[in-house]
Amino acid sequence: MALLALATATTAAAPTPSNPDNTTSPATTNASAPTYCVPRAVTPAEQSEIFAAFVQEFYVVRNVANAFKLYVVADYIQHNPYEPPNDAAGSVEYLTPIFSNLSIGVEILHQGFGGGIGPVAIADIFEFTDSCVKEHWDVTQELPADATNPLALF
């Protein structure tokens, strides 16, 4: 079983009536390029709602492309050493097959998943620029086979 705890550097929310998709196309000559979130000023309460909506779309629904379209900036910065850096489109391409093949159960701020993975604690940290996810870090700690602490991990 693995656990996921979500944290935010500043928290996240939903599109507004004036910008229902909360998106814009990145500067490009490709008319079919995906759109991503354009930061706009929001209150802390709105940012918290945005974060909840992002978590729902990304972790629960597992619609990576839509979560990025609505809530992540085009020049997204990724600090995970195994994922493409600094590009929302690259992250969508990398994460979509992973998330579509996971068996995940979500409980508010924790989730469990199987698939031959031993006990592991994972914390995702997201930083926002106004209404949009700008950066992501994650920390992973596996439970050692010879752990002596009965309170290890969570």
N, C-alpha and C. Protein backbone atom coordinates (compact mmCIF):
# COMPACT_ATOMS: atom_id res chain seq x y z
N MET A 1 0.84 -1.18 0.00
CA MET A 1 0.00 0.00 0.00
C MET A 1 0.88 1.23 0.00
N ALA A 2 0.52 2.24 -0.75
CA ALA A 2 1.24 3.50 -0.78
C ALA A 2 0.29 4.60 -0.32
N LEU A 3 0.84 5.61 0.29
CA LEU A 3 0.04 6.74 0.75
C LEU A 3 0.51 8.00 0.07
N LEU A 4 -0.42 8.90 -0.21
CA LEU A 4 -0.09 10.17 -0.82
C LEU A 4 -0.65 11.28 0.03
N ALA A 5 0.20 12.18 0.47
CA ALA A 5 -0.25 13.35 1.21
C ALA A 5 -0.01 14.56 0.32
N LEU A 6 -1.01 15.39 0.14
CA LEU A 6 -0.88 16.57 -0.70
C LEU A 6 -0.64 17.79 0.16
N ALA A 7 0.28 18.63 -0.27
CA ALA A 7 0.55 19.88 0.42
C ALA A 7 0.67 20.97 -0.63
N THR A 8 0.53 22.21 -0.22
CA THR A 8 0.67 23.30 -1.18
C THR A 8 1.56 24.38 -0.61
N ALA A 9 2.33 25.02 -1.48
CA ALA A 9 3.09 26.19 -1.08
C ALA A 9 2.12 27.36 -0.95
N THR A 10 1.19 27.44 -1.85
CA THR A 10 -0.02 28.26 -1.73
C THR A 10 -1.08 27.37 -2.33
N THR A 11 -2.30 27.47 -1.96
CA THR A 11 -3.27 26.49 -2.42
C THR A 11 -3.96 26.79 -3.74
N ALA A 12 -4.99 25.92 -4.25
CA ALA A 12 -5.59 26.04 -5.55
C ALA A 12 -7.09 26.09 -5.78
N ALA A 13 -8.39 26.61 -7.94
CA ALA A 13 -9.85 26.70 -7.85
C ALA A 13 -10.51 26.65 -9.17
N ALA A 14 -11.65 26.97 -9.22
CA ALA A 14 -12.43 26.72 -10.42
C ALA A 14 -12.41 27.92 -11.35
N PRO A 15 -12.67 27.67 -12.62
CA PRO A 15 -12.78 28.77 -13.57
C PRO A 15 -13.90 29.74 -13.18
N THR A 16 -13.80 30.95 -13.66
CA THR A 16 -14.82 31.96 -13.34
C THR A 16 -15.76 32.13 -14.52
N PRO A 17 -16.91 32.78 -14.30
CA PRO A 17 -17.83 33.02 -15.42
C PRO A 17 -17.19 33.83 -16.54
N SER A 18 -16.29 34.75 -16.20
CA SER A 18 -15.66 35.57 -17.24
C SER A 18 -14.61 34.79 -18.04
N ASN A 19 -14.11 33.70 -17.48
CA ASN A 19 -13.14 32.84 -18.16
C ASN A 19 -13.48 31.40 -17.79
N PRO A 20 -14.55 30.82 -18.37
CA PRO A 20 -15.04 29.52 -17.94
C PRO A 20 -14.02 28.40 -18.01
N ASP A 21 -13.08 28.46 -18.93
CA ASP A 21 -12.07 27.42 -19.00
C ASP A 21 -10.81 27.78 -18.24
N ASN A 22 -10.66 29.04 -17.82
CA ASN A 22 -9.47 29.52 -17.11
C ASN A 22 -8.21 29.20 -17.91
N THR A 23 -8.30 29.27 -19.24
CA THR A 23 -7.17 28.86 -20.08
C THR A 23 -6.89 29.87 -21.18
N THR A 24 -5.75 29.70 -21.78
CA THR A 24 -5.38 30.40 -23.00
C THR A 24 -4.37 29.55 -23.73
N SER A 25 -4.20 29.77 -25.00
CA SER A 25 -3.20 29.03 -25.76
C SER A 25 -1.83 29.62 -25.49
N PRO A 26 -0.80 28.77 -25.35
CA PRO A 26 0.54 29.30 -25.21
C PRO A 26 0.96 29.95 -26.53
N ALA A 27 1.95 30.84 -26.45
CA ALA A 27 2.42 31.50 -27.67
C ALA A 27 3.01 30.44 -28.60
N THR A 28 2.36 30.24 -29.72
CA THR A 28 2.81 29.22 -30.66
C THR A 28 2.17 29.48 -32.02
N THR A 29 2.76 28.92 -33.03
CA THR A 29 2.17 29.05 -34.36
C THR A 29 1.31 27.84 -34.69
N ASN A 30 1.29 26.85 -33.81
CA ASN A 30 0.51 25.64 -34.02
C ASN A 30 -0.91 25.87 -33.52
N ALA A 31 -1.87 25.96 -34.43
CA ALA A 31 -3.26 26.24 -34.06
C ALA A 31 -3.87 25.12 -33.24
N SER A 32 -3.35 23.90 -33.34
CA SER A 32 -3.91 22.79 -32.59
C SER A 32 -3.20 22.55 -31.26
N ALA A 33 -2.32 23.45 -30.86
CA ALA A 33 -1.61 23.29 -29.59
C ALA A 33 -2.58 23.33 -28.42
N PRO A 34 -2.30 22.55 -27.37
CA PRO A 34 -3.20 22.55 -26.22
C PRO A 34 -3.18 23.90 -25.51
N THR A 35 -4.23 24.16 -24.77
CA THR A 35 -4.31 25.38 -23.98
C THR A 35 -4.01 25.05 -22.53
N TYR A 36 -3.56 26.04 -21.80
CA TYR A 36 -3.23 25.86 -20.39
C TYR A 36 -3.75 27.04 -19.59
N CYS A 37 -3.69 26.91 -18.29
CA CYS A 37 -4.19 27.91 -17.36
C CYS A 37 -3.41 29.22 -17.48
N VAL A 38 -4.13 30.33 -17.46
CA VAL A 38 -3.52 31.66 -17.44
C VAL A 38 -3.74 32.24 -16.05
N PRO A 39 -2.67 32.56 -15.32
CA PRO A 39 -2.85 33.08 -13.97
C PRO A 39 -3.68 34.36 -13.94
N ARG A 40 -4.56 34.43 -12.96
CA ARG A 40 -5.36 35.62 -12.70
C ARG A 40 -5.44 35.77 -11.19
N ALA A 41 -5.57 36.98 -10.72
CA ALA A 41 -5.63 37.23 -9.28
C ALA A 41 -6.85 36.54 -8.67
N VAL A 42 -6.63 35.85 -7.56
CA VAL A 42 -7.71 35.19 -6.83
C VAL A 42 -7.48 35.38 -5.34
N THR A 43 -8.54 35.20 -4.58
CA THR A 43 -8.43 35.26 -3.13
C THR A 43 -7.87 33.93 -2.62
N PRO A 44 -7.38 33.90 -1.38
CA PRO A 44 -6.93 32.62 -0.82
C PRO A 44 -8.04 31.56 -0.82
N ALA A 45 -9.27 31.97 -0.56
CA ALA A 45 -10.39 31.01 -0.58
C ALA A 45 -10.61 30.46 -1.98
N GLU A 46 -10.54 31.31 -3.01
CA GLU A 46 -10.69 30.85 -4.39
C GLU A 46 -9.54 29.92 -4.77
N GLN A 47 -8.33 30.25 -4.32
CA GLN A 47 -7.17 29.41 -4.62
C GLN A 47 -7.34 28.03 -3.99
N SER A 48 -7.89 27.99 -2.80
CA SER A 48 -8.16 26.71 -2.14
C SER A 48 -9.17 25.88 -2.93
N GLU A 49 -10.20 26.54 -3.45
CA GLU A 49 -11.19 25.85 -4.29
C GLU A 49 -10.55 25.33 -5.58
N ILE A 50 -9.68 26.11 -6.16
CA ILE A 50 -8.98 25.70 -7.39
C ILE A 50 -8.13 24.46 -7.11
N PHE A 51 -7.42 24.49 -5.98
CA PHE A 51 -6.59 23.33 -5.63
C PHE A 51 -7.45 22.07 -5.47
N ALA A 52 -8.58 22.20 -4.78
CA ALA A 52 -9.48 21.06 -4.60
C ALA A 52 -9.97 20.53 -5.95
N ALA A 53 -10.30 21.43 -6.86
CA ALA A 53 -10.76 21.01 -8.19
C ALA A 53 -9.64 20.33 -8.98
N PHE A 54 -8.42 20.86 -8.87
CA PHE A 54 -7.26 20.25 -9.53
C PHE A 54 -7.02 18.83 -9.00
N VAL A 55 -7.03 18.68 -7.67
CA VAL A 55 -6.82 17.37 -7.06
C VAL A 55 -7.89 16.38 -7.54
N GLN A 56 -9.13 16.82 -7.59
CA GLN A 56 -10.23 15.96 -8.04
C GLN A 56 -9.99 15.50 -9.49
N GLU A 57 -9.69 16.44 -10.37
CA GLU A 57 -9.52 16.12 -11.80
C GLU A 57 -8.27 15.28 -12.04
N PHE A 58 -7.19 15.60 -11.35
CA PHE A 58 -5.90 14.94 -11.58
C PHE A 58 -5.81 13.59 -10.88
N TYR A 59 -6.09 13.54 -9.58
CA TYR A 59 -5.88 12.32 -8.80
C TYR A 59 -7.09 11.39 -8.76
N VAL A 60 -8.31 11.95 -8.72
CA VAL A 60 -9.50 11.11 -8.58
C VAL A 60 -10.04 10.71 -9.96
N VAL A 61 -10.34 11.70 -10.81
CA VAL A 61 -10.84 11.41 -12.16
C VAL A 61 -9.72 10.86 -13.04
N ARG A 62 -8.49 11.28 -12.77
CA ARG A 62 -7.29 10.89 -13.51
C ARG A 62 -7.32 11.36 -14.95
N ASN A 63 -7.90 12.54 -15.18
CA ASN A 63 -7.89 13.14 -16.51
C ASN A 63 -6.74 14.15 -16.53
N VAL A 64 -5.56 13.64 -16.80
CA VAL A 64 -4.34 14.44 -16.74
C VAL A 64 -4.42 15.63 -17.70
N ALA A 65 -4.82 15.39 -18.94
CA ALA A 65 -4.87 16.46 -19.94
C ALA A 65 -5.81 17.59 -19.51
N ASN A 66 -6.98 17.24 -19.02
CA ASN A 66 -7.94 18.27 -18.61
C ASN A 66 -7.48 19.00 -17.35
N ALA A 67 -6.88 18.27 -16.40
CA ALA A 67 -6.37 18.90 -15.19
C ALA A 67 -5.30 19.93 -15.54
N PHE A 68 -4.42 19.58 -16.47
CA PHE A 68 -3.37 20.52 -16.88
C PHE A 68 -3.98 21.68 -17.67
N LYS A 69 -4.93 21.40 -18.54
CA LYS A 69 -5.57 22.46 -19.34
C LYS A 69 -6.20 23.51 -18.43
N LEU A 70 -6.91 23.06 -17.41
CA LEU A 70 -7.66 23.98 -16.56
C LEU A 70 -6.83 24.63 -15.46
N TYR A 71 -5.80 23.93 -14.94
CA TYR A 71 -5.18 24.38 -13.70
C TYR A 71 -3.66 24.53 -13.72
N VAL A 72 -2.99 24.25 -14.83
CA VAL A 72 -1.52 24.28 -14.87
C VAL A 72 -1.05 25.23 -15.97
N VAL A 73 -0.04 26.05 -15.66
CA VAL A 73 0.50 26.98 -16.65
C VAL A 73 1.31 26.22 -17.70
N ALA A 74 1.42 26.80 -18.88
CA ALA A 74 2.15 26.16 -19.99
C ALA A 74 3.62 25.95 -19.66
N ASP A 75 4.23 26.91 -18.94
CA ASP A 75 5.66 26.79 -18.61
C ASP A 75 5.87 26.19 -17.21
N TYR A 76 5.05 25.22 -16.88
CA TYR A 76 5.07 24.46 -15.64
C TYR A 76 6.48 23.94 -15.36
N ILE A 77 6.90 24.02 -14.10
CA ILE A 77 8.23 23.56 -13.70
C ILE A 77 8.07 22.27 -12.89
N GLN A 78 8.71 21.21 -13.34
CA GLN A 78 8.62 19.89 -12.72
C GLN A 78 9.97 19.56 -12.10
N HIS A 79 9.99 19.25 -10.80
CA HIS A 79 11.24 18.94 -10.11
C HIS A 79 11.48 17.44 -9.93
N ASN A 80 10.55 16.59 -10.35
CA ASN A 80 10.74 15.15 -10.25
C ASN A 80 11.85 14.75 -11.23
N PRO A 81 12.89 14.02 -10.77
CA PRO A 81 14.01 13.70 -11.65
C PRO A 81 13.68 12.74 -12.79
N TYR A 82 12.51 12.10 -12.76
CA TYR A 82 12.14 11.15 -13.80
C TYR A 82 11.16 11.71 -14.81
N GLU A 83 10.66 12.91 -14.59
CA GLU A 83 9.67 13.50 -15.49
C GLU A 83 10.30 14.61 -16.32
N PRO A 84 9.69 14.93 -17.47
CA PRO A 84 10.22 16.03 -18.29
C PRO A 84 10.17 17.35 -17.51
N PRO A 85 11.23 18.14 -17.56
CA PRO A 85 11.25 19.39 -16.82
C PRO A 85 10.59 20.54 -17.58
N ASN A 86 9.97 21.44 -16.83
CA ASN A 86 9.57 22.75 -17.32
C ASN A 86 8.70 22.79 -18.57
N ASP A 87 7.72 21.90 -18.64
CA ASP A 87 6.86 21.91 -19.81
C ASP A 87 5.58 21.15 -19.51
N ALA A 88 4.45 21.83 -19.54
CA ALA A 88 3.17 21.19 -19.26
C ALA A 88 2.87 20.09 -20.28
N ALA A 89 3.10 20.36 -21.55
CA ALA A 89 2.79 19.37 -22.59
C ALA A 89 3.60 18.09 -22.41
N GLY A 90 4.87 18.22 -22.06
CA GLY A 90 5.70 17.04 -21.81
C GLY A 90 5.22 16.25 -20.61
N SER A 91 4.79 16.95 -19.57
CA SER A 91 4.27 16.27 -18.39
C SER A 91 2.97 15.54 -18.69
N VAL A 92 2.09 16.15 -19.47
CA VAL A 92 0.84 15.49 -19.86
C VAL A 92 1.16 14.21 -20.63
N GLU A 93 2.08 14.30 -21.57
CA GLU A 93 2.46 13.14 -22.38
C GLU A 93 3.05 12.04 -21.50
N TYR A 94 3.87 12.41 -20.53
CA TYR A 94 4.53 11.45 -19.64
C TYR A 94 3.54 10.83 -18.65
N LEU A 95 2.67 11.65 -18.05
CA LEU A 95 1.80 11.19 -16.97
C LEU A 95 0.53 10.47 -17.42
N THR A 96 0.01 10.79 -18.60
CA THR A 96 -1.26 10.21 -19.04
C THR A 96 -1.25 8.68 -19.04
N PRO A 97 -0.27 8.01 -19.65
CA PRO A 97 -0.30 6.55 -19.62
C PRO A 97 -0.12 5.97 -18.21
N ILE A 98 0.63 6.66 -17.37
CA ILE A 98 0.84 6.18 -16.00
C ILE A 98 -0.47 6.24 -15.23
N PHE A 99 -1.15 7.38 -15.27
CA PHE A 99 -2.39 7.55 -14.51
C PHE A 99 -3.53 6.71 -15.08
N SER A 100 -3.52 6.43 -16.36
CA SER A 100 -4.60 5.63 -16.94
C SER A 100 -4.45 4.15 -16.60
N ASN A 101 -3.28 3.74 -16.14
CA ASN A 101 -3.05 2.33 -15.81
C ASN A 101 -2.93 2.05 -14.32
N LEU A 102 -3.13 3.05 -13.48
CA LEU A 102 -3.02 2.85 -12.04
C LEU A 102 -4.36 2.46 -11.44
N SER A 103 -4.29 1.64 -10.43
CA SER A 103 -5.47 1.32 -9.64
C SER A 103 -5.31 2.13 -8.35
N ILE A 104 -6.02 3.25 -8.27
CA ILE A 104 -5.86 4.18 -7.15
C ILE A 104 -7.18 4.36 -6.44
N GLY A 105 -7.13 4.31 -5.12
CA GLY A 105 -8.27 4.68 -4.30
C GLY A 105 -7.89 5.95 -3.54
N VAL A 106 -8.75 6.93 -3.52
CA VAL A 106 -8.41 8.21 -2.89
C VAL A 106 -9.27 8.44 -1.67
N GLU A 107 -8.65 8.87 -0.59
CA GLU A 107 -9.34 9.25 0.63
C GLU A 107 -8.85 10.64 1.02
N ILE A 108 -9.61 11.65 0.77
CA ILE A 108 -9.31 13.05 1.07
C ILE A 108 -7.86 13.39 0.72
N LEU A 109 -6.92 13.32 1.67
CA LEU A 109 -5.53 13.67 1.38
C LEU A 109 -4.60 12.46 1.31
N HIS A 110 -5.15 11.28 1.33
CA HIS A 110 -4.32 10.08 1.26
C HIS A 110 -4.88 9.16 0.18
N GLN A 111 -4.01 8.42 -0.46
CA GLN A 111 -4.49 7.44 -1.42
C GLN A 111 -3.66 6.18 -1.29
N GLY A 112 -4.24 5.06 -1.62
CA GLY A 112 -3.53 3.80 -1.60
C GLY A 112 -3.53 3.19 -2.98
N PHE A 113 -2.46 2.51 -3.33
CA PHE A 113 -2.43 1.80 -4.60
C PHE A 113 -1.57 0.56 -4.45
N GLY A 114 -1.87 -0.43 -5.26
CA GLY A 114 -1.13 -1.69 -5.22
C GLY A 114 -0.29 -1.85 -6.45
N GLY A 115 -0.10 -3.06 -6.87
CA GLY A 115 0.67 -3.30 -8.08
C GLY A 115 2.10 -3.70 -7.80
N GLY A 116 2.35 -4.42 -6.70
CA GLY A 116 3.70 -4.88 -6.42
C GLY A 116 4.59 -3.84 -5.76
N ILE A 117 4.03 -2.71 -5.42
CA ILE A 117 4.82 -1.67 -4.77
C ILE A 117 4.73 -1.89 -3.27
N GLY A 118 5.87 -1.91 -2.60
CA GLY A 118 5.88 -2.06 -1.15
C GLY A 118 5.41 -0.78 -0.48
N PRO A 119 5.36 -0.80 0.85
CA PRO A 119 4.93 0.42 1.55
C PRO A 119 5.84 1.60 1.20
N VAL A 120 5.21 2.71 0.87
CA VAL A 120 5.95 3.91 0.49
C VAL A 120 5.11 5.13 0.84
N ALA A 121 5.77 6.18 1.30
CA ALA A 121 5.09 7.44 1.58
C ALA A 121 5.48 8.43 0.49
N ILE A 122 4.48 9.14 -0.04
CA ILE A 122 4.72 10.12 -1.10
C ILE A 122 4.04 11.42 -0.71
N ALA A 123 4.77 12.51 -0.81
CA ALA A 123 4.18 13.83 -0.59
C ALA A 123 4.36 14.65 -1.85
N ASP A 124 3.28 15.18 -2.39
CA ASP A 124 3.32 16.08 -3.54
C ASP A 124 3.16 17.50 -3.04
N ILE A 125 3.98 18.39 -3.53
CA ILE A 125 3.93 19.79 -3.15
C ILE A 125 3.75 20.61 -4.41
N PHE A 126 2.73 21.45 -4.43
CA PHE A 126 2.43 22.29 -5.59
C PHE A 126 2.54 23.75 -5.20
N GLU A 127 3.17 24.54 -6.07
CA GLU A 127 3.22 25.98 -5.88
C GLU A 127 2.35 26.62 -6.94
N PHE A 128 1.60 27.60 -6.52
CA PHE A 128 0.69 28.31 -7.42
C PHE A 128 1.20 29.70 -7.73
N THR A 129 0.90 30.17 -8.93
CA THR A 129 1.00 31.57 -9.30
C THR A 129 -0.44 32.00 -9.49
N ASP A 130 -0.93 32.78 -8.54
CA ASP A 130 -2.32 33.22 -8.56
C ASP A 130 -3.27 32.02 -8.67
N SER A 131 -3.94 31.84 -9.80
CA SER A 131 -4.96 30.80 -9.95
C SER A 131 -4.46 29.51 -10.58
N CYS A 132 -3.16 29.40 -10.84
CA CYS A 132 -2.66 28.25 -11.61
C CYS A 132 -1.47 27.55 -10.93
N VAL A 133 -1.39 26.24 -11.14
CA VAL A 133 -0.24 25.47 -10.67
C VAL A 133 0.97 25.90 -11.50
N LYS A 134 2.05 26.26 -10.83
CA LYS A 134 3.27 26.71 -11.51
C LYS A 134 4.41 25.70 -11.38
N GLU A 135 4.53 25.07 -10.18
CA GLU A 135 5.64 24.15 -9.93
C GLU A 135 5.18 22.94 -9.14
N HIS A 136 5.92 21.85 -9.26
CA HIS A 136 5.62 20.62 -8.52
C HIS A 136 6.91 19.96 -8.03
N TRP A 137 6.88 19.54 -6.78
CA TRP A 137 7.93 18.72 -6.19
C TRP A 137 7.25 17.49 -5.61
N ASP A 138 7.97 16.39 -5.54
CA ASP A 138 7.46 15.26 -4.77
C ASP A 138 8.60 14.62 -4.00
N VAL A 139 8.22 14.03 -2.88
CA VAL A 139 9.17 13.36 -2.00
C VAL A 139 8.65 11.94 -1.80
N THR A 140 9.51 10.96 -1.99
CA THR A 140 9.11 9.56 -1.84
C THR A 140 10.04 8.88 -0.85
N GLN A 141 9.46 8.13 0.08
CA GLN A 141 10.25 7.37 1.04
C GLN A 141 9.70 5.95 1.12
N GLU A 142 10.53 4.97 0.80
CA GLU A 142 10.12 3.58 0.90
C GLU A 142 10.36 3.08 2.31
N LEU A 143 9.55 2.13 2.75
CA LEU A 143 9.74 1.50 4.05
C LEU A 143 10.82 0.44 3.90
N PRO A 144 11.94 0.58 4.61
CA PRO A 144 13.00 -0.43 4.49
C PRO A 144 12.53 -1.78 5.04
N ALA A 145 13.04 -2.85 4.46
CA ALA A 145 12.67 -4.20 4.90
C ALA A 145 13.06 -4.44 6.35
N ASP A 146 14.12 -3.79 6.81
CA ASP A 146 14.60 -3.99 8.18
C ASP A 146 14.20 -2.85 9.12
N ALA A 147 13.12 -2.15 8.82
CA ALA A 147 12.67 -1.04 9.67
C ALA A 147 12.38 -1.53 11.08
N THR A 148 12.87 -0.81 12.07
CA THR A 148 12.63 -1.18 13.47
C THR A 148 11.60 -0.28 14.13
N ASN A 149 11.28 0.84 13.52
CA ASN A 149 10.31 1.78 14.08
C ASN A 149 8.90 1.37 13.67
N PRO A 150 8.03 1.02 14.62
CA PRO A 150 6.67 0.64 14.25
C PRO A 150 5.83 1.82 13.76
N LEU A 151 6.32 3.03 13.92
CA LEU A 151 5.61 4.23 13.48
C LEU A 151 6.17 4.78 12.18
N ALA A 152 6.97 4.01 11.48
CA ALA A 152 7.59 4.48 10.24
C ALA A 152 6.52 4.87 9.22
N LEU A 153 6.88 5.80 8.38
CA LEU A 153 6.00 6.35 7.35
C LEU A 153 4.79 6.98 8.01
N PHE A 154 3.56 6.50 7.71
CA PHE A 154 2.36 7.13 8.27
C PHE A 154 1.77 6.26 9.34
